[in-house]
Amino acid sequence: MKVVEPPLVPKVPMHSAPPQAEPNVWNPENPEVYGEAARRLAWRTLGVTTYCLTLAFATWFMVSAIVTKLQGVGFPLSNQQLFWLAAMPGLAAGTLRMVHTFLIPIFGTRNTVTVSTLLLVLPCIGWGWAVQNPNTPFSVLMALAFLAGLGGGNFSSFMPSTSLFFPKKKQGTALGIQAGIGNFGVSVAQFVIPAIISVAILGAPQMAKGKAVYLQNAALIWIPFIIVGAVLAWTTLRSVPVKASFREQTDIFRNKHTWLMTSLYVMTFGSFSGFAAAFPLLIKQLYGDFPGAPDPLKYAFLGPLVGAGIRAAFGPVSDKLGGAKVTMISGIGLIVCAIGVTTATAPTSLEQFPTFVGWMLGLFLFSGIGNASTFKQMPMIFPPRQAGGVIGWTSAVAAYGPFLFAVLIGLISARTGSPTPFFYGAAGFYAVNLAINWWFYARRGAEKRC
């Protein structure tokens, strides 16, 4: 790693042209260097990137809301095909996050956030066009679902960038706020879409059960907000003075704690994102055939809402108590809820629906708690530049959650008639990670107690 002359210098008004500076001048851990101007820049960066991240999550998960309506407007798709459509954005997001992991030290915050935000327009235009024609081939829908994963990829560059602006004692709070509010994009998409598709804005309506719907609005609504975000990023953000080549950044893979924290973050964010993608289809699959069946989108947004809100709240808690202790709480809660939900995954009536929703909300709650605590652990375990890379990498792997969860639930349900075995398997995975966290990070005498 090499540190180059930064494009900004603390204690200089941010509206002025950035002067030249000596190498190594940027150090948020030093109160004298981390002056008022640098603090303002850090919080401004947090605000703008969080806004853009919220839009990224909204476009990433808009497909999970759209697919529940496709059969109703005439698309000849099977339930298995719907699960594949819900899964594809997760496949793309995980892959793209691996790329985003390395972007900030190469291109800087301003360029990376601006370009990656502007690219979100592409899946919005594509889905806005495709849903207006029920004859759109399944292969085209799959390609567009993959393209929606552009939004999921952004997380692995936005979050490491933010971590470089804040001292360690504030990173749990800053990253908790950014990730928590960013995660609200999932809930925003699943809440806004059911309302917006009933309003005539652009294009012709489709008919669903005798009612006119404008499904294209579910994608087109985000475009003006995306453009605003790209403009804000270009005009207000600056890049941190940390540079490293791709080869230099690969040193994180020689550290076993990179892989251990990856597993822990799959337990937490993998569960959050995976269940967020699958929750609407699970409601439709398990309870959709009963008389008076619930509309999946009237309930699906509640899970991401709970998970995102608790993630933002538990950033400061993790700063105070320590990330590993809070991760223990998360793991125990996930095990209990994963087993508990199986009491309502083979329903005989709608009376079991509240039980199902309650246990699912518990899964979102404890995954959100763990999302906050693991992001506190990583900056404590690794030095700053490596911590950014590890945050990006773990986020990349965990972003496969929607793909893995949706595909596995779909396959298991097709073979057994119920998703129950999936939840037992998830509980086993959570137990393994609980043991990892306790041994390496939480117990007295742990190798990296944090």
Protein backbone atom coordinates (compact mmCIF):
# COMPACT_ATOMS: atom_id res chain seq x y z
CA MET A 1 0.00 0.00 0.00
CA LYS A 2 1.17 3.54 -0.67
CA VAL A 3 -0.30 6.79 0.59
CA VAL A 4 -0.33 9.63 -1.93
CA GLU A 5 -1.00 13.31 -1.71
CA PRO A 6 -4.65 13.66 -0.70
CA PRO A 7 -7.16 15.66 -2.72
CA LEU A 8 -8.32 17.29 0.52
CA VAL A 9 -6.65 18.56 3.67
CA PRO A 10 -8.36 18.70 7.07
CA LYS A 11 -9.10 22.12 8.61
CA VAL A 12 -9.53 23.76 5.19
CA PRO A 13 -13.00 24.95 4.08
CA MET A 14 -14.38 22.38 1.70
CA HIS A 15 -15.64 24.97 -0.77
CA SER A 16 -12.12 26.07 -1.56
CA ALA A 17 -9.78 24.32 -3.97
CA PRO A 18 -7.92 21.52 -2.20
CA PRO A 19 -4.30 22.51 -1.63
CA GLN A 20 -1.31 20.21 -1.83
CA ALA A 21 -0.41 18.31 1.30
CA GLU A 22 2.31 16.15 2.72
CA PRO A 23 1.89 12.37 2.48
CA ASN A 24 0.25 10.67 5.46
CA VAL A 25 -1.60 13.88 6.46
CA TRP A 26 -4.97 12.10 6.47
CA ASN A 27 -5.45 10.29 9.77
CA PRO A 28 -8.92 10.29 11.33
CA GLU A 29 -7.48 8.70 14.49
CA ASN A 30 -5.52 11.89 15.21
CA PRO A 31 -7.78 14.57 16.78
CA GLU A 32 -5.44 17.35 15.62
CA VAL A 33 -5.61 16.16 12.02
CA TYR A 34 -9.25 15.15 12.15
CA GLY A 35 -10.36 18.77 12.51
CA GLU A 36 -13.74 20.40 12.01
CA ALA A 37 -13.44 20.53 8.21
CA ALA A 38 -12.59 16.83 8.06
CA ARG A 39 -15.49 15.99 10.38
CA ARG A 40 -17.87 17.94 8.17
CA LEU A 41 -16.53 16.14 5.12
CA ALA A 42 -16.93 12.77 6.81
CA TRP A 43 -20.57 13.37 7.72
CA ARG A 44 -21.34 14.89 4.31
CA THR A 45 -19.82 11.83 2.64
CA LEU A 46 -21.93 9.64 4.90
CA GLY A 47 -25.09 11.57 3.99
CA VAL A 48 -24.63 11.55 0.21
CA THR A 49 -23.42 7.97 -0.07
CA THR A 50 -26.24 6.79 2.21
CA TYR A 51 -28.81 8.46 -0.04
CA CYS A 52 -27.25 6.80 -3.07
CA LEU A 53 -27.01 3.47 -1.25
CA THR A 54 -30.71 3.59 -0.39
CA LEU A 55 -31.52 3.96 -4.09
CA ALA A 56 -29.12 1.13 -4.89
CA PHE A 57 -30.98 -1.21 -2.54
CA ALA A 58 -34.35 -0.06 -3.90
CA THR A 59 -33.39 -0.89 -7.49
CA TRP A 60 -31.73 -4.13 -6.38
CA PHE A 61 -34.89 -5.37 -4.65
CA MET A 62 -37.54 -3.89 -6.93
CA VAL A 63 -37.52 -7.22 -8.78
CA SER A 64 -38.63 -9.06 -5.62
CA ALA A 65 -41.76 -6.88 -5.60
CA ILE A 66 -42.37 -6.93 -9.35
CA VAL A 67 -42.27 -10.72 -9.70
CA THR A 68 -45.25 -11.21 -7.38
CA LYS A 69 -47.40 -9.31 -9.91
CA LEU A 70 -46.20 -10.83 -13.20
CA GLN A 71 -48.54 -13.82 -13.28
CA GLY A 72 -51.48 -11.53 -12.49
CA VAL A 73 -50.87 -9.33 -15.55
CA GLY A 74 -50.56 -12.25 -17.96
CA PHE A 75 -46.94 -13.42 -17.87
CA PRO A 76 -46.97 -17.24 -18.37
CA LEU A 77 -44.42 -18.00 -15.65
CA SER A 78 -44.25 -20.88 -13.18
CA ASN A 79 -43.58 -20.44 -9.47
CA GLN A 80 -40.10 -21.91 -9.99
CA GLN A 81 -39.38 -19.29 -12.66
CA LEU A 82 -40.51 -16.55 -10.27
CA PHE A 83 -38.03 -17.77 -7.64
CA TRP A 84 -35.28 -17.71 -10.29
CA LEU A 85 -36.15 -14.12 -11.19
CA ALA A 86 -36.03 -13.14 -7.53
CA ALA A 87 -32.68 -14.91 -7.20
CA MET A 88 -30.80 -13.37 -10.14
CA PRO A 89 -30.23 -9.88 -8.67
CA GLY A 90 -28.45 -11.58 -5.77
CA LEU A 91 -26.19 -13.53 -8.12
CA ALA A 92 -25.25 -10.31 -9.89
CA ALA A 93 -24.81 -8.34 -6.67
CA GLY A 94 -22.40 -10.83 -5.15
CA THR A 95 -20.30 -10.93 -8.30
CA LEU A 96 -20.29 -7.16 -8.76
CA ARG A 97 -19.44 -6.59 -5.11
CA MET A 98 -16.23 -8.51 -5.62
CA VAL A 99 -15.33 -5.90 -8.23
CA HIS A 100 -16.49 -2.98 -6.07
CA THR A 101 -14.32 -4.22 -3.19
CA PHE A 102 -11.23 -2.92 -4.99
CA LEU A 103 -12.56 0.28 -6.62
CA ILE A 104 -12.15 2.94 -3.92
CA PRO A 105 -8.34 2.70 -3.53
CA ILE A 106 -8.02 2.76 -7.34
CA PHE A 107 -10.61 5.33 -8.52
CA GLY A 108 -11.56 7.20 -5.34
CA THR A 109 -14.88 7.93 -3.67
CA ARG A 110 -16.16 10.66 -5.98
CA ASN A 111 -15.75 8.79 -9.26
CA THR A 112 -16.88 5.44 -7.92
CA VAL A 113 -20.05 6.66 -6.22
CA THR A 114 -21.06 8.93 -9.11
CA VAL A 115 -20.68 6.38 -11.90
CA SER A 116 -22.11 3.41 -10.01
CA THR A 117 -25.15 5.45 -8.98
CA LEU A 118 -25.81 6.65 -12.52
CA LEU A 119 -25.67 3.06 -13.83
CA LEU A 120 -28.78 2.25 -11.78
CA VAL A 121 -30.81 3.94 -14.51
CA LEU A 122 -30.20 0.94 -16.80
CA PRO A 123 -32.23 -1.73 -14.95
CA CYS A 124 -34.96 0.82 -14.26
CA ILE A 125 -35.41 1.57 -17.95
CA GLY A 126 -35.16 -2.11 -18.86
CA TRP A 127 -37.82 -3.30 -16.41
CA GLY A 128 -40.05 -0.32 -17.21
CA TRP A 129 -40.07 -1.48 -20.82
CA ALA A 130 -40.26 -5.26 -20.27
CA VAL A 131 -43.24 -5.47 -17.90
CA GLN A 132 -45.53 -3.77 -20.42
CA ASN A 133 -45.46 -6.83 -22.68
CA PRO A 134 -46.45 -10.25 -21.26
CA ASN A 135 -44.76 -11.86 -24.28
CA THR A 136 -41.34 -10.67 -23.11
CA PRO A 137 -39.20 -13.84 -23.14
CA PHE A 138 -38.18 -15.35 -19.83
CA SER A 139 -34.54 -15.10 -20.91
CA VAL A 140 -34.89 -11.32 -21.28
CA LEU A 141 -36.49 -11.07 -17.84
CA MET A 142 -33.61 -13.10 -16.40
CA ALA A 143 -31.07 -10.75 -18.00
CA LEU A 144 -32.88 -7.72 -16.60
CA ALA A 145 -33.07 -9.36 -13.17
CA PHE A 146 -29.31 -9.85 -13.30
CA LEU A 147 -28.89 -6.20 -14.32
CA ALA A 148 -30.84 -5.11 -11.24
CA GLY A 149 -27.93 -6.50 -9.24
CA LEU A 150 -25.96 -3.37 -10.18
CA GLY A 151 -27.56 -1.78 -7.14
CA GLY A 152 -26.43 -4.57 -4.86
CA GLY A 153 -22.84 -4.23 -6.00
CA ASN A 154 -22.51 -0.64 -4.82
CA PHE A 155 -22.47 -1.57 -1.15
CA SER A 156 -18.95 -3.01 -1.34
CA SER A 157 -17.42 0.27 -2.45
CA PHE A 158 -19.64 2.75 -0.59
CA MET A 159 -19.15 1.22 2.86
CA PRO A 160 -15.33 0.82 2.73
CA SER A 161 -15.11 4.40 1.51
CA THR A 162 -17.08 5.68 4.49
CA SER A 163 -14.96 3.67 6.92
CA LEU A 164 -11.87 5.60 5.81
CA PHE A 165 -13.35 8.95 6.84
CA PHE A 166 -14.14 8.11 10.48
CA PRO A 167 -11.99 7.18 13.50
CA LYS A 168 -12.46 3.63 14.80
CA LYS A 169 -14.49 4.74 17.81
CA LYS A 170 -17.11 6.22 15.45
CA GLN A 171 -17.10 3.55 12.74
CA GLY A 172 -19.73 1.35 14.38
CA THR A 173 -22.09 4.33 14.48
CA ALA A 174 -21.24 5.64 10.99
CA LEU A 175 -21.39 2.26 9.26
CA GLY A 176 -24.49 1.28 11.21
CA ILE A 177 -26.26 4.45 10.08
CA GLN A 178 -25.19 4.06 6.46
CA ALA A 179 -25.94 0.38 6.15
CA GLY A 180 -29.14 0.63 8.19
CA ILE A 181 -30.63 3.50 6.23
CA GLY A 182 -29.30 2.02 2.99
CA ASN A 183 -31.06 -1.25 3.81
CA PHE A 184 -34.28 0.75 4.13
CA GLY A 185 -34.16 0.86 0.33
CA VAL A 186 -35.44 -2.73 0.36
CA SER A 187 -38.42 -1.80 2.48
CA VAL A 188 -39.00 1.42 0.52
CA ALA A 189 -39.17 -0.53 -2.75
CA GLN A 190 -41.54 -3.15 -1.37
CA PHE A 191 -43.72 -0.46 0.26
CA VAL A 192 -43.79 2.12 -2.55
CA ILE A 193 -44.25 -0.26 -5.48
CA PRO A 194 -47.73 -1.55 -4.52
CA ALA A 195 -48.97 2.05 -4.27
CA ILE A 196 -47.23 3.52 -7.30
CA ILE A 197 -48.36 0.83 -9.76
CA SER A 198 -51.97 1.96 -9.31
CA VAL A 199 -51.20 5.47 -10.62
CA ALA A 200 -51.16 6.39 -14.32
CA ILE A 201 -47.80 8.05 -15.04
CA LEU A 202 -46.20 6.61 -18.19
CA GLY A 203 -47.29 3.90 -20.61
CA ALA A 204 -50.45 1.86 -20.99
CA PRO A 205 -52.06 -0.04 -18.10
CA GLN A 206 -52.13 -3.81 -17.69
CA MET A 207 -55.20 -5.59 -16.36
CA ALA A 208 -54.95 -7.71 -13.18
CA LYS A 209 -58.16 -9.23 -11.79
CA GLY A 210 -60.21 -6.60 -13.58
CA LYS A 211 -58.15 -3.67 -12.27
CA ALA A 212 -55.78 -1.44 -14.19
CA VAL A 213 -52.18 -1.49 -12.96
CA TYR A 214 -49.11 0.31 -14.25
CA LEU A 215 -46.37 -2.15 -13.41
CA GLN A 216 -43.77 -0.11 -15.31
CA ASN A 217 -43.98 2.51 -12.56
CA ALA A 218 -42.27 0.05 -10.21
CA ALA A 219 -39.02 0.60 -12.13
CA LEU A 220 -39.37 4.05 -13.68
CA ILE A 221 -40.15 5.81 -10.39
CA TRP A 222 -36.52 5.61 -9.24
CA ILE A 223 -34.92 7.32 -12.26
CA PRO A 224 -35.24 11.01 -11.20
CA PHE A 225 -33.97 10.22 -7.70
CA ILE A 226 -31.01 8.34 -9.16
CA ILE A 227 -30.04 11.33 -11.32
CA VAL A 228 -30.19 13.61 -8.26
CA GLY A 229 -27.93 11.21 -6.36
CA ALA A 230 -25.35 11.09 -9.16
CA VAL A 231 -25.25 14.90 -9.34
CA LEU A 232 -24.84 15.19 -5.57
CA ALA A 233 -22.02 12.65 -5.59
CA TRP A 234 -20.13 14.44 -8.36
CA THR A 235 -20.49 17.91 -6.87
CA THR A 236 -20.00 17.26 -3.14
CA LEU A 237 -17.83 14.19 -2.59
CA ARG A 238 -14.04 14.02 -2.33
CA SER A 239 -11.66 11.06 -2.42
CA VAL A 240 -9.64 9.83 0.55
CA PRO A 241 -5.84 9.88 0.18
CA VAL A 242 -5.38 6.12 0.24
CA LYS A 243 -4.23 4.35 -2.89
CA ALA A 244 -3.49 0.70 -3.49
CA SER A 245 -3.28 -1.46 -6.58
CA PHE A 246 -5.44 -4.53 -7.01
CA ARG A 247 -2.46 -6.77 -6.22
CA GLU A 248 -1.65 -4.90 -3.02
CA GLN A 249 -5.25 -5.23 -1.84
CA THR A 250 -5.27 -9.03 -2.18
CA ASP A 251 -3.24 -9.36 1.02
CA ILE A 252 -6.53 -9.63 2.93
CA PHE A 253 -7.02 -13.15 1.57
CA ARG A 254 -3.94 -14.41 3.42
CA ASN A 255 -5.55 -13.56 6.75
CA LYS A 256 -7.80 -16.27 8.22
CA HIS A 257 -9.96 -13.63 9.90
CA THR A 258 -11.08 -12.45 6.47
CA TRP A 259 -12.71 -15.84 5.93
CA LEU A 260 -14.09 -16.13 9.45
CA MET A 261 -15.72 -12.69 9.24
CA THR A 262 -17.03 -13.57 5.80
CA SER A 263 -18.89 -16.52 7.30
CA LEU A 264 -20.26 -14.34 10.11
CA TYR A 265 -21.47 -11.72 7.68
CA VAL A 266 -23.14 -14.36 5.51
CA MET A 267 -24.99 -15.39 8.67
CA THR A 268 -26.21 -11.83 9.21
CA PHE A 269 -26.48 -9.88 5.95
CA GLY A 270 -26.82 -13.04 3.86
CA SER A 271 -29.90 -13.83 5.93
CA PHE A 272 -31.26 -10.28 5.75
CA SER A 273 -30.91 -9.98 1.98
CA GLY A 274 -31.86 -13.58 1.30
CA PHE A 275 -35.07 -13.46 3.30
CA ALA A 276 -35.88 -9.99 1.91
CA ALA A 277 -35.84 -11.45 -1.61
CA ALA A 278 -37.72 -14.62 -0.71
CA PHE A 279 -40.26 -13.29 1.84
CA PRO A 280 -42.89 -12.09 -0.69
CA LEU A 281 -42.76 -15.36 -2.63
CA LEU A 282 -42.85 -17.41 0.56
CA ILE A 283 -46.06 -15.67 1.58
CA LYS A 284 -47.51 -16.29 -1.88
CA GLN A 285 -46.41 -19.93 -1.96
CA LEU A 286 -47.45 -20.91 1.58
CA TYR A 287 -50.62 -18.86 2.07
CA GLY A 288 -51.66 -17.74 -1.41
CA ASP A 289 -54.15 -20.55 -2.04
CA PHE A 290 -56.31 -20.02 1.05
CA PRO A 291 -59.58 -18.06 0.71
CA GLY A 292 -58.90 -14.42 1.53
CA ALA A 293 -55.17 -14.93 0.99
CA PRO A 294 -52.94 -11.99 2.04
CA ASP A 295 -51.28 -9.74 -0.53
CA PRO A 296 -47.55 -10.52 -0.15
CA LEU A 297 -46.49 -6.92 -0.70
CA LYS A 298 -48.66 -5.68 2.17
CA TYR A 299 -46.43 -7.61 4.55
CA ALA A 300 -43.12 -8.18 2.79
CA PHE A 301 -41.79 -4.66 3.43
CA LEU A 302 -42.08 -5.14 7.20
CA GLY A 303 -39.13 -7.54 7.34
CA PRO A 304 -36.56 -5.24 5.70
CA LEU A 305 -38.01 -2.33 7.68
CA VAL A 306 -37.35 -4.11 10.97
CA GLY A 307 -33.92 -5.35 9.91
CA ALA A 308 -32.74 -1.99 8.58
CA GLY A 309 -34.06 -0.03 11.55
CA ILE A 310 -32.41 -2.26 14.12
CA ARG A 311 -29.14 -2.19 12.18
CA ALA A 312 -29.00 1.60 12.40
CA ALA A 313 -29.90 1.50 16.10
CA PHE A 314 -27.33 -1.14 17.02
CA GLY A 315 -24.33 0.65 15.50
CA PRO A 316 -23.89 2.81 18.63
CA VAL A 317 -24.76 -0.19 20.85
CA SER A 318 -21.95 -2.18 19.23
CA ASP A 319 -19.57 0.74 19.74
CA LYS A 320 -20.39 0.66 23.45
CA LEU A 321 -20.64 -3.07 24.20
CA GLY A 322 -18.27 -4.49 21.59
CA GLY A 323 -19.18 -6.10 18.30
CA ALA A 324 -18.51 -9.73 19.26
CA LYS A 325 -20.87 -9.66 22.25
CA VAL A 326 -23.67 -8.27 20.12
CA THR A 327 -22.99 -10.84 17.40
CA MET A 328 -23.53 -13.56 20.03
CA ILE A 329 -27.02 -12.15 20.67
CA SER A 330 -27.67 -12.09 16.94
CA GLY A 331 -26.63 -15.70 16.43
CA ILE A 332 -28.71 -17.05 19.30
CA GLY A 333 -31.77 -15.13 18.11
CA LEU A 334 -31.37 -16.38 14.54
CA ILE A 335 -31.20 -20.01 15.68
CA VAL A 336 -34.35 -19.68 17.78
CA CYS A 337 -36.33 -17.93 15.04
CA ALA A 338 -35.19 -20.27 12.25
CA ILE A 339 -36.48 -23.23 14.25
CA GLY A 340 -39.58 -21.37 15.40
CA VAL A 341 -40.74 -20.45 11.90
CA THR A 342 -40.98 -24.12 10.95
CA THR A 343 -44.17 -24.29 13.04
CA ALA A 344 -45.87 -22.26 10.28
CA THR A 345 -44.19 -23.40 7.05
CA ALA A 346 -46.67 -26.21 6.36
CA PRO A 347 -49.89 -24.31 7.10
CA THR A 348 -53.37 -25.81 7.20
CA SER A 349 -55.20 -22.48 7.51
CA LEU A 350 -54.70 -18.71 7.52
CA GLU A 351 -54.72 -18.79 11.31
CA GLN A 352 -51.04 -19.72 11.16
CA PHE A 353 -50.14 -16.69 9.04
CA PRO A 354 -49.51 -14.28 11.97
CA THR A 355 -47.22 -16.89 13.53
CA PHE A 356 -45.28 -17.18 10.28
CA VAL A 357 -44.92 -13.41 9.93
CA GLY A 358 -43.87 -13.06 13.58
CA TRP A 359 -41.05 -15.58 13.34
CA MET A 360 -39.91 -14.11 10.00
CA LEU A 361 -39.76 -10.65 11.54
CA GLY A 362 -37.64 -12.17 14.29
CA LEU A 363 -35.19 -13.43 11.66
CA PHE A 364 -35.00 -9.94 10.18
CA LEU A 365 -34.56 -8.41 13.64
CA PHE A 366 -31.62 -10.57 14.69
CA SER A 367 -29.97 -10.48 11.26
CA GLY A 368 -30.12 -6.66 11.44
CA ILE A 369 -28.50 -6.68 14.88
CA GLY A 370 -25.71 -8.87 13.53
CA ASN A 371 -25.28 -6.67 10.48
CA ALA A 372 -24.39 -3.78 12.78
CA SER A 373 -22.15 -5.74 15.15
CA THR A 374 -20.06 -7.48 12.48
CA PHE A 375 -19.31 -4.11 10.88
CA LYS A 376 -18.01 -2.97 14.26
CA GLN A 377 -15.80 -6.06 14.51
CA MET A 378 -14.03 -5.71 11.17
CA PRO A 379 -12.46 -2.25 11.75
CA MET A 380 -11.24 -3.50 15.15
CA ILE A 381 -9.67 -6.68 13.75
CA PHE A 382 -7.95 -5.17 10.68
CA PRO A 383 -5.93 -1.99 9.98
CA PRO A 384 -7.87 0.75 8.10
CA ARG A 385 -7.05 -0.07 4.48
CA GLN A 386 -7.43 -3.79 5.02
CA ALA A 387 -10.64 -3.24 6.98
CA GLY A 388 -12.12 -1.48 3.96
CA GLY A 389 -11.17 -4.38 1.73
CA VAL A 390 -12.55 -6.96 4.16
CA ILE A 391 -15.81 -5.03 4.49
CA GLY A 392 -16.11 -5.02 0.72
CA TRP A 393 -15.23 -8.70 0.34
CA THR A 394 -17.51 -10.00 3.10
CA SER A 395 -20.31 -7.87 1.69
CA ALA A 396 -19.73 -9.35 -1.73
CA VAL A 397 -20.03 -12.94 -0.56
CA ALA A 398 -23.05 -12.18 1.65
CA ALA A 399 -24.79 -10.48 -1.28
CA TYR A 400 -25.25 -13.92 -2.80
CA GLY A 401 -27.87 -14.38 -0.07
CA PRO A 402 -30.86 -13.53 -2.32
CA PHE A 403 -29.62 -15.94 -4.98
CA LEU A 404 -28.86 -18.81 -2.63
CA PHE A 405 -31.94 -18.40 -0.45
CA ALA A 406 -34.39 -18.02 -3.32
CA VAL A 407 -32.93 -20.90 -5.33
CA LEU A 408 -32.63 -23.27 -2.35
CA ILE A 409 -36.10 -22.46 -1.04
CA GLY A 410 -37.52 -22.96 -4.52
CA LEU A 411 -35.73 -26.28 -5.06
CA ILE A 412 -36.47 -27.65 -1.59
CA SER A 413 -40.11 -26.62 -1.84
CA ALA A 414 -40.43 -28.26 -5.25
CA ARG A 415 -38.99 -31.54 -3.96
CA THR A 416 -40.54 -31.75 -0.50
CA GLY A 417 -43.61 -29.53 -0.83
CA SER A 418 -42.40 -27.26 1.99
CA PRO A 419 -39.46 -24.93 2.76
CA THR A 420 -39.18 -26.39 6.28
CA PRO A 421 -35.89 -28.30 5.65
CA PHE A 422 -34.28 -25.05 4.50
CA PHE A 423 -34.93 -23.38 7.84
CA TYR A 424 -33.48 -26.32 9.78
CA GLY A 425 -30.37 -26.11 7.61
CA ALA A 426 -30.13 -22.38 8.26
CA ALA A 427 -30.33 -22.98 12.02
CA GLY A 428 -27.40 -25.40 11.77
CA PHE A 429 -25.35 -22.83 9.84
CA TYR A 430 -26.11 -20.19 12.47
CA ALA A 431 -24.95 -22.55 15.24
CA VAL A 432 -21.59 -23.09 13.53
CA ASN A 433 -21.06 -19.35 13.20
CA LEU A 434 -22.07 -18.73 16.79
CA ALA A 435 -19.26 -21.08 17.84
CA ILE A 436 -16.78 -19.31 15.53
CA ASN A 437 -17.64 -15.91 16.95
CA TRP A 438 -17.38 -17.08 20.55
CA TRP A 439 -14.02 -18.83 20.09
CA PHE A 440 -12.19 -16.21 18.03
CA TYR A 441 -13.77 -12.93 19.11
CA ALA A 442 -16.06 -13.03 22.17
CA ARG A 443 -14.56 -15.23 24.91
CA ARG A 444 -11.92 -14.17 27.36
CA GLY A 445 -8.51 -14.81 25.86
CA ALA A 446 -9.89 -14.83 22.32
CA GLU A 447 -7.35 -14.29 19.57
CA LYS A 448 -8.99 -11.03 18.39
CA ARG A 449 -11.35 -10.12 21.20
CA CYS A 450 -13.49 -7.26 19.96
